């Protein structure tokens, strides 16, 4: 009877050791899977951030290009207006110079 009891205890201990070993293996596997999932989430977030950054840069470049084009048009318009104003007064300036030279 004592021998039978000792054998049952050894068997239970062996079974408990096996269960502990399996639990540790399962815990290690779960940790590795969680770490991998975390790495995937971080990479996905980085990719999304890169995409958002590229989108924002493109929008900023487009806005800057539009503003530059607008400023160029304004400057050209101003330049034309100044040129027209100068040409309008050209006859007056020539007449004044001729009067001063001829006296």
Protein backbone atom coordinates (compact mmCIF):
# COMPACT_ATOMS: atom_id res chain seq x y z
CA UNK A 1 0.00 0.00 0.00
CA UNK A 2 2.76 2.46 0.90
CA UNK A 3 4.55 1.57 -2.29
CA UNK A 4 1.40 2.21 -4.27
CA UNK A 5 0.95 5.55 -2.53
CA UNK A 6 4.57 6.52 -3.23
CA UNK A 7 4.09 5.63 -6.91
CA UNK A 8 0.92 7.76 -7.09
CA UNK A 9 2.77 10.69 -5.48
CA UNK A 10 5.66 10.35 -7.96
CA UNK A 11 3.20 10.13 -10.81
CA UNK A 12 1.33 13.20 -9.55
CA UNK A 13 4.63 15.08 -9.15
CA UNK A 14 5.70 14.10 -12.66
CA UNK A 15 2.34 15.20 -14.00
CA UNK A 16 2.60 18.48 -12.08
CA UNK A 17 6.14 19.02 -13.42
CA UNK A 18 4.87 18.40 -16.96
CA UNK A 19 1.96 20.81 -16.45
CA UNK A 20 4.37 23.47 -15.12
CA UNK A 21 6.68 22.90 -18.09
CA UNK A 22 3.76 23.22 -20.54
CA UNK A 23 2.48 26.32 -18.74
CA UNK A 24 5.91 27.94 -18.95
CA UNK A 25 6.20 27.07 -22.63
CA UNK A 26 2.72 28.47 -23.25
CA UNK A 27 3.58 31.65 -21.31
CA UNK A 28 6.81 32.06 -23.30
CA UNK A 29 4.92 31.55 -26.56
CA UNK A 30 2.27 34.08 -25.51
CA UNK A 31 4.98 36.62 -24.62
CA UNK A 32 6.73 36.12 -27.98
CA UNK A 33 3.41 36.50 -29.81
CA UNK A 34 2.56 39.64 -27.84
CA UNK A 35 6.00 41.11 -28.57
CA UNK A 36 5.62 40.31 -32.26
CA UNK A 37 2.15 41.86 -32.31
CA UNK A 38 3.54 44.95 -30.56
CA UNK A 39 6.34 45.21 -33.17
CA UNK A 40 3.77 44.91 -35.95
CA UNK A 41 1.60 47.62 -34.38
CA UNK A 42 4.61 49.92 -33.96
CA UNK A 43 5.63 49.37 -37.59
CA UNK A 44 2.07 49.97 -38.75
CA UNK A 45 1.93 53.20 -36.73
CA UNK A 46 5.27 54.29 -38.19
CA UNK A 47 4.06 53.55 -41.71
CA UNK A 48 0.87 55.53 -41.08
CA UNK A 49 2.90 58.40 -39.64
CA UNK A 50 5.19 58.37 -42.69
CA UNK A 51 2.15 58.41 -44.96
CA UNK A 52 0.59 61.28 -43.03
CA UNK A 53 3.89 63.18 -43.09
CA UNK A 54 4.17 62.73 -46.85
CA UNK A 55 0.58 63.87 -47.30
CA UNK A 56 1.14 66.97 -45.16
CA UNK A 57 4.39 67.78 -46.97
CA UNK A 58 2.66 67.45 -50.33
CA UNK A 59 -0.18 69.70 -49.19
CA UNK A 60 2.30 72.27 -47.86
CA UNK A 61 4.26 72.20 -51.12
CA UNK A 62 1.08 72.65 -53.14
CA UNK A 63 0.01 75.57 -50.94
CA UNK A 64 3.45 77.13 -51.24
CA UNK A 65 3.44 76.70 -55.02
CA UNK A 66 0.00 78.27 -55.27
CA UNK A 67 1.09 81.18 -53.06
CA UNK A 68 4.24 81.69 -55.13
CA UNK A 69 2.21 81.67 -58.34
CA UNK A 70 -0.20 84.19 -56.82
CA UNK A 71 2.65 86.44 -55.69
CA UNK A 72 4.30 86.22 -59.13
CA UNK A 73 1.03 87.25 -60.77
CA UNK A 74 0.64 90.15 -58.33
CA UNK A 75 4.22 91.29 -59.02
CA UNK A 76 3.72 91.05 -62.78
CA UNK A 77 0.53 93.05 -62.51
CA UNK A 78 2.26 95.68 -60.39
CA UNK A 79 5.18 95.78 -62.81
CA UNK A 80 2.81 96.33 -65.76
CA UNK A 81 1.00 99.10 -63.88
CA UNK A 82 4.27 100.86 -63.06
CA UNK A 83 5.47 100.53 -66.65
CA UNK A 84 2.19 101.95 -68.00
CA UNK A 85 2.38 104.82 -65.54
CA UNK A 86 5.97 105.53 -66.57
CA UNK A 87 5.06 105.43 -70.27
CA UNK A 88 2.13 107.78 -69.68
CA UNK A 89 4.47 110.36 -68.22
CA UNK A 90 7.19 109.78 -70.83
CA UNK A 91 5.87 112.48 -73.21
CA UNK A 92 5.69 114.95 -70.36
CA UNK A 93 9.26 114.10 -69.31
CA UNK A 94 10.57 114.47 -72.88
CA UNK A 95 8.85 117.82 -73.27
CA UNK A 96 10.33 119.03 -69.99
CA UNK A 97 13.84 117.94 -70.98
CA UNK A 98 13.52 119.61 -74.41
CA UNK A 99 12.36 122.87 -72.79
CA UNK A 100 15.29 122.84 -70.39
CA UNK A 101 17.83 122.05 -73.08
CA UNK A 102 16.48 124.52 -75.61
CA UNK A 103 15.76 126.96 -73.04
